[in-house]
Amino acid sequence: MSQTKLVEVYVARGEIEAQVIKSLLESYGIPCVLKAQAAQSVHVFAVDGLGQTSVMVRAEDEADARELVKGEDNA
């Protein structure tokens, strides 16, 4: 995915939440990467955006990923 444009589809409040969303997307065949705003060992909890983790997917997977994440939010 290094040469592919990545887009943010979800912002998690921490690494554990981000890992859950990553697992969900990957279980549907959507590869993704996590991008943290700061080192997780420094900011275990999100405070003013620090500690948040973005879930990034390929641009061509964005619509499907957003639909899956939206369904997860409603669960």
Protein backbone atom coordinates (compact mmCIF):
# COMPACT_ATOMS: atom_id res chain seq x y z
CA MET A 1 0.00 0.00 0.00
CA SER A 2 3.02 2.32 0.01
CA GLN A 3 2.34 3.77 -3.49
CA THR A 4 -1.42 3.94 -3.01
CA LYS A 5 -3.27 7.02 -1.81
CA LEU A 6 -4.61 6.41 1.68
CA VAL A 7 -7.66 8.09 3.18
CA GLU A 8 -8.82 8.30 6.77
CA VAL A 9 -12.09 6.48 7.42
CA TYR A 10 -12.15 6.45 11.20
CA VAL A 11 -10.49 8.20 14.15
CA ALA A 12 -10.23 5.99 17.21
CA ARG A 13 -9.81 7.29 20.73
CA GLY A 14 -6.99 4.83 21.33
CA GLU A 15 -5.01 1.95 19.90
CA ILE A 16 -7.34 -0.78 21.15
CA GLU A 17 -10.38 0.77 19.46
CA ALA A 18 -8.32 1.26 16.29
CA GLN A 19 -7.27 -2.41 16.34
CA VAL A 20 -10.92 -3.48 16.59
CA ILE A 21 -11.85 -1.38 13.54
CA LYS A 22 -8.75 -2.62 11.67
CA SER A 23 -9.74 -6.23 12.38
CA LEU A 24 -13.29 -5.57 11.20
CA LEU A 25 -12.14 -4.07 7.91
CA GLU A 26 -9.52 -6.74 7.28
CA SER A 27 -12.09 -9.48 7.93
CA TYR A 28 -13.96 -8.07 4.91
CA GLY A 29 -10.80 -8.00 2.80
CA ILE A 30 -10.07 -4.29 3.17
CA PRO A 31 -6.40 -3.76 4.03
CA CYS A 32 -5.68 -0.82 6.31
CA VAL A 33 -2.97 0.84 8.33
CA LEU A 34 -3.07 2.70 11.61
CA LYS A 35 -1.58 6.17 11.97
CA ALA A 36 -1.10 7.46 15.51
CA GLN A 37 -0.80 11.15 16.31
CA ALA A 38 1.67 10.39 19.13
CA ALA A 39 3.44 7.37 20.54
CA GLN A 40 0.87 5.14 22.23
CA SER A 41 3.22 4.53 25.14
CA VAL A 42 3.26 8.27 25.83
CA HIS A 43 -0.47 8.98 25.40
CA VAL A 44 -2.47 5.92 26.41
CA PHE A 45 -5.71 7.94 26.45
CA ALA A 46 -6.85 10.60 24.00
CA VAL A 47 -6.48 14.11 25.39
CA ASP A 48 -7.00 17.03 22.99
CA GLY A 49 -6.38 14.70 20.06
CA LEU A 50 -3.20 13.16 21.43
CA GLY A 51 -3.52 9.42 21.63
CA GLN A 52 -5.99 9.26 18.76
CA THR A 53 -5.31 6.76 16.00
CA SER A 54 -6.49 7.16 12.41
CA VAL A 55 -7.58 4.12 10.44
CA MET A 56 -6.41 4.57 6.86
CA VAL A 57 -7.53 2.60 3.78
CA ARG A 58 -6.88 2.76 0.05
CA ALA A 59 -8.96 5.41 -1.71
CA GLU A 60 -10.72 2.74 -3.77
CA ASP A 61 -11.85 0.98 -0.56
CA GLU A 62 -13.10 4.15 1.14
CA ALA A 63 -16.84 3.76 0.46
CA ASP A 64 -16.97 0.12 1.58
CA ALA A 65 -14.86 0.85 4.66
CA ARG A 66 -17.04 3.78 5.70
CA GLU A 67 -20.16 1.65 5.31
CA LEU A 68 -18.70 -1.09 7.52
CA VAL A 69 -17.53 1.38 10.15
CA LYS A 70 -20.91 3.12 10.15
CA GLY A 71 -22.59 -0.24 10.79
CA GLU A 72 -20.18 -0.88 13.67
CA ASP A 73 -21.09 2.48 15.26
CA ASN A 74 -24.77 1.52 15.20
CA ALA A 75 -24.20 -1.86 16.86
